[in-house]
Amino acid sequence: MPMTTSSSDQGATGAAKFVTSTVGNTVGGLARTVGGITGAAGRGIGETLTGATGSLGRPVGDGLANAATGVENGTRKVAQGVEDAGEWKSGARRF
């Protein structure tokens, strides 16, 4: 099957789309990685704190774990937005 290219993907516009897509995917991937690391580390520290202090430290440990998960989820949404912008998508919502 022949591959067709729309006229909007040629010339300067096509080059701009390639560059922004590459940058968007790179920045989005890095943001997603940092968010994942932050989320995992925060949950680990929260669970360690809860385990070490028992029920006394549970509210702080659970709060830290929940906050880290929130950061991870927020970063994931920002990363998706950056990737969508890099692909010149408008109003795209994928949750």
C-alpha atoms as a PDB file:
ATOM      1  CA  MET A   1       0.000   0.000   0.000  1.00  0.00           C
ATOM      2  CA  PRO A   2       1.545   3.330  -1.006  1.00  0.00           C
ATOM      3  CA  MET A   3       2.294   5.750   1.765  1.00  0.00           C
ATOM      4  CA  THR A   4       0.734   9.156   1.259  1.00  0.00           C
ATOM      5  CA  THR A   5       1.763  12.375   2.909  1.00  0.00           C
ATOM      6  CA  SER A   6      -0.587  15.278   3.341  1.00  0.00           C
ATOM      7  CA  SER A   7       0.529  18.633   2.016  1.00  0.00           C
ATOM      8  CA  SER A   8       0.636  19.956   5.588  1.00  0.00           C
ATOM      9  CA  ASP A   9       3.451  17.507   6.409  1.00  0.00           C
ATOM     10  CA  GLN A  10       5.829  18.726   3.695  1.00  0.00           C
ATOM     11  CA  GLY A  11       8.461  21.417   3.567  1.00  0.00           C
ATOM     12  CA  ALA A  12       9.016  23.718   6.534  1.00  0.00           C
ATOM     13  CA  THR A  13       5.843  22.555   8.290  1.00  0.00           C
ATOM     14  CA  GLY A  14       6.906  18.919   8.031  1.00  0.00           C
ATOM     15  CA  ALA A  15      10.359  19.766   9.377  1.00  0.00           C
ATOM     16  CA  ALA A  16       8.844  21.744  12.251  1.00  0.00           C
ATOM     17  CA  LYS A  17       6.512  18.873  13.095  1.00  0.00           C
ATOM     18  CA  PHE A  18       9.442  16.447  13.101  1.00  0.00           C
ATOM     19  CA  VAL A  19      11.506  18.643  15.430  1.00  0.00           C
ATOM     20  CA  THR A  20       8.665  19.421  17.838  1.00  0.00           C
ATOM     21  CA  SER A  21       7.590  15.779  17.895  1.00  0.00           C
ATOM     22  CA  THR A  22      11.115  14.642  18.712  1.00  0.00           C
ATOM     23  CA  VAL A  23      11.569  17.289  21.399  1.00  0.00           C
ATOM     24  CA  GLY A  24       8.086  16.679  22.814  1.00  0.00           C
ATOM     25  CA  ASN A  25       8.585  12.927  23.033  1.00  0.00           C
ATOM     26  CA  THR A  26      12.019  13.360  24.614  1.00  0.00           C
ATOM     27  CA  VAL A  27      10.871  15.891  27.211  1.00  0.00           C
ATOM     28  CA  GLY A  28       7.686  13.906  27.875  1.00  0.00           C
ATOM     29  CA  GLY A  29       9.657  10.701  28.373  1.00  0.00           C
ATOM     30  CA  LEU A  30      12.097  12.386  30.745  1.00  0.00           C
ATOM     31  CA  ALA A  31       9.263  13.972  32.733  1.00  0.00           C
ATOM     32  CA  ARG A  32       7.493  10.618  32.967  1.00  0.00           C
ATOM     33  CA  THR A  33      10.734   8.999  34.178  1.00  0.00           C
ATOM     34  CA  VAL A  34      11.355  11.655  36.840  1.00  0.00           C
ATOM     35  CA  GLY A  35       7.737  11.417  37.983  1.00  0.00           C
ATOM     36  CA  GLY A  36       7.946   7.629  38.206  1.00  0.00           C
ATOM     37  CA  ILE A  37      11.148   7.773  40.227  1.00  0.00           C
ATOM     38  CA  THR A  38       9.703  10.438  42.537  1.00  0.00           C
ATOM     39  CA  GLY A  39       6.519   8.444  43.048  1.00  0.00           C
ATOM     40  CA  ALA A  40       8.312   5.172  43.749  1.00  0.00           C
ATOM     41  CA  ALA A  41      10.842   6.808  46.088  1.00  0.00           C
ATOM     42  CA  GLY A  42       8.154   8.668  48.019  1.00  0.00           C
ATOM     43  CA  ARG A  43       6.051   5.541  48.436  1.00  0.00           C
ATOM     44  CA  GLY A  44       9.120   3.594  49.557  1.00  0.00           C
ATOM     45  CA  ILE A  45      10.106   6.212  52.114  1.00  0.00           C
ATOM     46  CA  GLY A  46       6.507   6.462  53.334  1.00  0.00           C
ATOM     47  CA  GLU A  47       6.243   2.691  53.770  1.00  0.00           C
ATOM     48  CA  THR A  48       9.620   2.599  55.529  1.00  0.00           C
ATOM     49  CA  LEU A  49       8.565   5.375  57.884  1.00  0.00           C
ATOM     50  CA  THR A  50       5.295   3.615  58.652  1.00  0.00           C
ATOM     51  CA  GLY A  51       7.081   0.303  59.178  1.00  0.00           C
ATOM     52  CA  ALA A  52       9.710   1.815  61.458  1.00  0.00           C
ATOM     53  CA  THR A  53       7.338   3.851  63.631  1.00  0.00           C
ATOM     54  CA  GLY A  54       4.220   1.671  63.550  1.00  0.00           C
ATOM     55  CA  SER A  55       0.806   3.194  63.984  1.00  0.00           C
ATOM     56  CA  LEU A  56       2.310   6.382  65.409  1.00  0.00           C
ATOM     57  CA  GLY A  57       3.994   7.263  62.111  1.00  0.00           C
ATOM     58  CA  ARG A  58       1.310   5.859  59.808  1.00  0.00           C
ATOM     59  CA  PRO A  59      -0.388   9.230  59.083  1.00  0.00           C
ATOM     60  CA  VAL A  60       2.917  10.818  58.063  1.00  0.00           C
ATOM     61  CA  GLY A  61       4.065   7.778  56.088  1.00  0.00           C
ATOM     62  CA  ASP A  62       0.725   7.434  54.300  1.00  0.00           C
ATOM     63  CA  GLY A  63       0.628  11.170  53.600  1.00  0.00           C
ATOM     64  CA  LEU A  64       4.095  11.089  52.086  1.00  0.00           C
ATOM     65  CA  ALA A  65       3.211   8.076  49.939  1.00  0.00           C
ATOM     66  CA  ASN A  66      -0.015   9.715  48.762  1.00  0.00           C
ATOM     67  CA  ALA A  67       1.744  12.988  47.948  1.00  0.00           C
ATOM     68  CA  ALA A  68       4.408  11.151  45.951  1.00  0.00           C
ATOM     69  CA  THR A  69       1.731   9.287  44.012  1.00  0.00           C
ATOM     70  CA  GLY A  70       0.023  12.609  43.291  1.00  0.00           C
ATOM     71  CA  VAL A  71       3.272  14.056  41.959  1.00  0.00           C
ATOM     72  CA  GLU A  72       3.736  10.981  39.777  1.00  0.00           C
ATOM     73  CA  ASN A  73       0.201  11.213  38.368  1.00  0.00           C
ATOM     74  CA  GLY A  74       0.509  14.953  37.752  1.00  0.00           C
ATOM     75  CA  THR A  75       3.830  14.515  36.010  1.00  0.00           C
ATOM     76  CA  ARG A  76       2.340  11.800  33.820  1.00  0.00           C
ATOM     77  CA  LYS A  77      -0.420  14.191  32.685  1.00  0.00           C
ATOM     78  CA  VAL A  78       2.065  16.989  32.010  1.00  0.00           C
ATOM     79  CA  ALA A  79       4.271  14.583  30.035  1.00  0.00           C
ATOM     80  CA  GLN A  80       1.298  13.518  27.930  1.00  0.00           C
ATOM     81  CA  GLY A  81       0.432  17.165  27.278  1.00  0.00           C
ATOM     82  CA  VAL A  82       4.000  17.907  26.173  1.00  0.00           C
ATOM     83  CA  GLU A  83       3.974  14.895  23.858  1.00  0.00           C
ATOM     84  CA  ASP A  84       0.598  15.905  22.404  1.00  0.00           C
ATOM     85  CA  ALA A  85       1.814  19.467  21.852  1.00  0.00           C
ATOM     86  CA  GLY A  86       4.910  18.139  20.137  1.00  0.00           C
ATOM     87  CA  GLU A  87       2.673  16.220  17.749  1.00  0.00           C
ATOM     88  CA  TRP A  88       0.575  19.359  17.155  1.00  0.00           C
ATOM     89  CA  LYS A  89      -2.503  17.817  18.727  1.00  0.00           C
ATOM     90  CA  SER A  90      -5.022  20.258  20.105  1.00  0.00           C
ATOM     91  CA  GLY A  91      -7.560  19.494  22.770  1.00  0.00           C
ATOM     92  CA  ALA A  92      -6.388  15.887  23.069  1.00  0.00           C
ATOM     93  CA  ARG A  93      -7.407  14.350  26.354  1.00  0.00           C
ATOM     94  CA  ARG A  94      -6.125  10.904  27.227  1.00  0.00           C
ATOM     95  CA  PHE A  95      -6.330   9.920  30.868  1.00  0.00           C
END
